């Protein structure tokens, strides 16, 4: 059976032979891998105290931007990030932001820029 026929039979709840079941499992695994690879990457931000103006601040690790700490700080400075001077979070870069989705997008654009 072809791939689409196997999927159709599976979704309709029809009986499949062991060979077809194995093929269906392979198809599902490939689809799961493809879906995971297309999901947007996530950055783990840690909420820290507000800045002096009351704006929320978030810290992420420098490896989310670049593999070199100094380069990551320079890149982060272009979008408002600063070195986080605190013992609680080593290698952190702090951002003031109300929109984490937008900040995440900007960080990925920095990371992918050469």
C-alpha atoms as a PDB file:
ATOM      1  CA  UNK A   1       0.000   0.000   0.000  1.00  0.00           C
ATOM      2  CA  UNK A   2       1.096   3.561  -0.588  1.00  0.00           C
ATOM      3  CA  UNK A   3       1.751   5.996   2.227  1.00  0.00           C
ATOM      4  CA  UNK A   4      -1.496   7.919   1.820  1.00  0.00           C
ATOM      5  CA  UNK A   5      -3.529   4.709   1.704  1.00  0.00           C
ATOM      6  CA  UNK A   6      -1.909   3.469   4.919  1.00  0.00           C
ATOM      7  CA  UNK A   7      -2.643   6.768   6.670  1.00  0.00           C
ATOM      8  CA  UNK A   8      -6.220   6.731   5.405  1.00  0.00           C
ATOM      9  CA  UNK A   9      -6.748   3.151   6.606  1.00  0.00           C
ATOM     10  CA  UNK A  10      -5.227   3.987   9.981  1.00  0.00           C
ATOM     11  CA  UNK A  11      -7.367   7.094  10.480  1.00  0.00           C
ATOM     12  CA  UNK A  12     -10.516   5.219   9.454  1.00  0.00           C
ATOM     13  CA  UNK A  13      -9.790   2.537  12.060  1.00  0.00           C
ATOM     14  CA  UNK A  14      -9.507  -0.226   9.469  1.00  0.00           C
ATOM     15  CA  UNK A  15      -7.420  -3.344  10.010  1.00  0.00           C
ATOM     16  CA  UNK A  16      -3.793  -3.163   8.888  1.00  0.00           C
ATOM     17  CA  UNK A  17      -1.379  -6.003   8.333  1.00  0.00           C
ATOM     18  CA  UNK A  18       1.725  -6.085  10.598  1.00  0.00           C
ATOM     19  CA  UNK A  19       3.916  -4.830   7.738  1.00  0.00           C
ATOM     20  CA  UNK A  20       1.498  -1.939   7.105  1.00  0.00           C
ATOM     21  CA  UNK A  21       1.321  -1.172  10.827  1.00  0.00           C
ATOM     22  CA  UNK A  22       5.106  -0.918  10.925  1.00  0.00           C
ATOM     23  CA  UNK A  23       5.038   1.421   7.923  1.00  0.00           C
ATOM     24  CA  UNK A  24       2.340   3.525   9.640  1.00  0.00           C
ATOM     25  CA  UNK A  25       4.508   3.773  12.750  1.00  0.00           C
ATOM     26  CA  UNK A  26       7.468   4.893  10.640  1.00  0.00           C
ATOM     27  CA  UNK A  27       5.295   7.535   8.979  1.00  0.00           C
ATOM     28  CA  UNK A  28       4.082   8.843  12.336  1.00  0.00           C
ATOM     29  CA  UNK A  29       7.649   9.013  13.679  1.00  0.00           C
ATOM     30  CA  UNK A  30       8.824  10.922  10.600  1.00  0.00           C
ATOM     31  CA  UNK A  31       5.895  13.334  10.928  1.00  0.00           C
ATOM     32  CA  UNK A  32       6.639  13.915  14.628  1.00  0.00           C
ATOM     33  CA  UNK A  33      10.282  14.634  13.838  1.00  0.00           C
ATOM     34  CA  UNK A  34       9.304  17.057  11.088  1.00  0.00           C
ATOM     35  CA  UNK A  35       6.768  18.847  13.318  1.00  0.00           C
ATOM     36  CA  UNK A  36       9.312  19.215  16.150  1.00  0.00           C
ATOM     37  CA  UNK A  37      11.930  20.609  13.763  1.00  0.00           C
ATOM     38  CA  UNK A  38       9.500  23.286  12.550  1.00  0.00           C
ATOM     39  CA  UNK A  39       8.411  24.484  15.970  1.00  0.00           C
ATOM     40  CA  UNK A  40       9.947  27.792  16.949  1.00  0.00           C
ATOM     41  CA  UNK A  41      12.792  27.439  19.376  1.00  0.00           C
ATOM     42  CA  UNK A  42      12.231  28.600  22.918  1.00  0.00           C
ATOM     43  CA  UNK A  43      14.405  30.656  25.218  1.00  0.00           C
ATOM     44  CA  UNK A  44      14.136  30.218  28.964  1.00  0.00           C
ATOM     45  CA  UNK A  45      13.885  33.665  30.505  1.00  0.00           C
ATOM     46  CA  UNK A  46      14.171  34.307  34.232  1.00  0.00           C
ATOM     47  CA  UNK A  47      12.170  37.221  35.625  1.00  0.00           C
ATOM     48  CA  UNK A  48      14.250  39.559  37.791  1.00  0.00           C
ATOM     49  CA  UNK A  49      13.454  42.810  39.595  1.00  0.00           C
ATOM     50  CA  UNK A  50      12.090  45.713  37.560  1.00  0.00           C
ATOM     51  CA  UNK A  51      14.428  48.458  36.379  1.00  0.00           C
ATOM     52  CA  UNK A  52      14.440  51.903  38.033  1.00  0.00           C
ATOM     53  CA  UNK A  53      11.529  52.997  35.822  1.00  0.00           C
ATOM     54  CA  UNK A  54       9.370  50.006  36.753  1.00  0.00           C
ATOM     55  CA  UNK A  55       9.801  48.158  33.468  1.00  0.00           C
ATOM     56  CA  UNK A  56       9.942  44.340  33.673  1.00  0.00           C
ATOM     57  CA  UNK A  57      13.354  42.736  33.182  1.00  0.00           C
ATOM     58  CA  UNK A  58      14.224  39.256  32.004  1.00  0.00           C
ATOM     59  CA  UNK A  59      17.541  37.390  31.940  1.00  0.00           C
ATOM     60  CA  UNK A  60      18.624  34.683  29.519  1.00  0.00           C
ATOM     61  CA  UNK A  61      21.908  32.834  29.172  1.00  0.00           C
ATOM     62  CA  UNK A  62      24.457  34.193  26.711  1.00  0.00           C
ATOM     63  CA  UNK A  63      24.546  30.871  24.815  1.00  0.00           C
ATOM     64  CA  UNK A  64      21.109  31.735  23.445  1.00  0.00           C
ATOM     65  CA  UNK A  65      22.817  34.511  21.456  1.00  0.00           C
ATOM     66  CA  UNK A  66      26.379  33.386  20.725  1.00  0.00           C
ATOM     67  CA  UNK A  67      28.906  30.795  21.882  1.00  0.00           C
ATOM     68  CA  UNK A  68      31.357  33.530  22.940  1.00  0.00           C
ATOM     69  CA  UNK A  69      30.372  35.610  25.991  1.00  0.00           C
ATOM     70  CA  UNK A  70      31.866  38.920  24.825  1.00  0.00           C
ATOM     71  CA  UNK A  71      30.385  38.569  21.337  1.00  0.00           C
ATOM     72  CA  UNK A  72      26.992  37.712  22.822  1.00  0.00           C
ATOM     73  CA  UNK A  73      27.070  40.874  24.950  1.00  0.00           C
ATOM     74  CA  UNK A  74      27.992  43.034  21.959  1.00  0.00           C
ATOM     75  CA  UNK A  75      25.180  41.524  19.898  1.00  0.00           C
ATOM     76  CA  UNK A  76      22.694  41.882  22.773  1.00  0.00           C
ATOM     77  CA  UNK A  77      23.618  45.554  23.196  1.00  0.00           C
ATOM     78  CA  UNK A  78      22.232  46.225  19.721  1.00  0.00           C
ATOM     79  CA  UNK A  79      18.743  45.240  20.899  1.00  0.00           C
ATOM     80  CA  UNK A  80      18.954  46.703  24.411  1.00  0.00           C
ATOM     81  CA  UNK A  81      20.518  43.799  26.291  1.00  0.00           C
ATOM     82  CA  UNK A  82      23.107  44.358  29.002  1.00  0.00           C
ATOM     83  CA  UNK A  83      25.515  42.216  30.964  1.00  0.00           C
ATOM     84  CA  UNK A  84      23.756  40.928  34.086  1.00  0.00           C
ATOM     85  CA  UNK A  85      25.970  41.663  37.095  1.00  0.00           C
ATOM     86  CA  UNK A  86      24.643  39.213  39.629  1.00  0.00           C
ATOM     87  CA  UNK A  87      25.865  36.039  41.300  1.00  0.00           C
ATOM     88  CA  UNK A  88      22.486  34.346  41.015  1.00  0.00           C
ATOM     89  CA  UNK A  89      22.768  33.984  37.235  1.00  0.00           C
ATOM     90  CA  UNK A  90      26.246  33.502  35.800  1.00  0.00           C
ATOM     91  CA  UNK A  91      26.672  34.403  32.145  1.00  0.00           C
ATOM     92  CA  UNK A  92      23.363  36.181  31.961  1.00  0.00           C
ATOM     93  CA  UNK A  93      22.198  38.992  29.723  1.00  0.00           C
ATOM     94  CA  UNK A  94      19.321  41.141  30.927  1.00  0.00           C
ATOM     95  CA  UNK A  95      16.627  42.753  28.778  1.00  0.00           C
ATOM     96  CA  UNK A  96      13.833  45.176  29.649  1.00  0.00           C
ATOM     97  CA  UNK A  97      10.783  44.009  27.766  1.00  0.00           C
ATOM     98  CA  UNK A  98       7.009  43.826  27.883  1.00  0.00           C
ATOM     99  CA  UNK A  99       6.867  41.412  24.933  1.00  0.00           C
ATOM    100  CA  UNK A 100       8.875  38.184  25.316  1.00  0.00           C
ATOM    101  CA  UNK A 101       7.726  36.801  21.955  1.00  0.00           C
ATOM    102  CA  UNK A 102       9.150  39.827  20.144  1.00  0.00           C
ATOM    103  CA  UNK A 103      12.332  39.684  22.226  1.00  0.00           C
ATOM    104  CA  UNK A 104      12.764  35.977  21.420  1.00  0.00           C
ATOM    105  CA  UNK A 105      12.356  36.709  17.708  1.00  0.00           C
ATOM    106  CA  UNK A 106      14.968  39.484  17.890  1.00  0.00           C
ATOM    107  CA  UNK A 107      17.410  37.209  19.727  1.00  0.00           C
ATOM    108  CA  UNK A 108      17.045  34.491  17.087  1.00  0.00           C
ATOM    109  CA  UNK A 109      17.602  37.067  14.350  1.00  0.00           C
ATOM    110  CA  UNK A 110      20.820  38.117  16.148  1.00  0.00           C
ATOM    111  CA  UNK A 111      21.919  34.532  16.559  1.00  0.00           C
ATOM    112  CA  UNK A 112      21.371  33.718  12.897  1.00  0.00           C
ATOM    113  CA  UNK A 113      23.012  36.933  11.626  1.00  0.00           C
ATOM    114  CA  UNK A 114      26.668  36.587  10.695  1.00  0.00           C
END
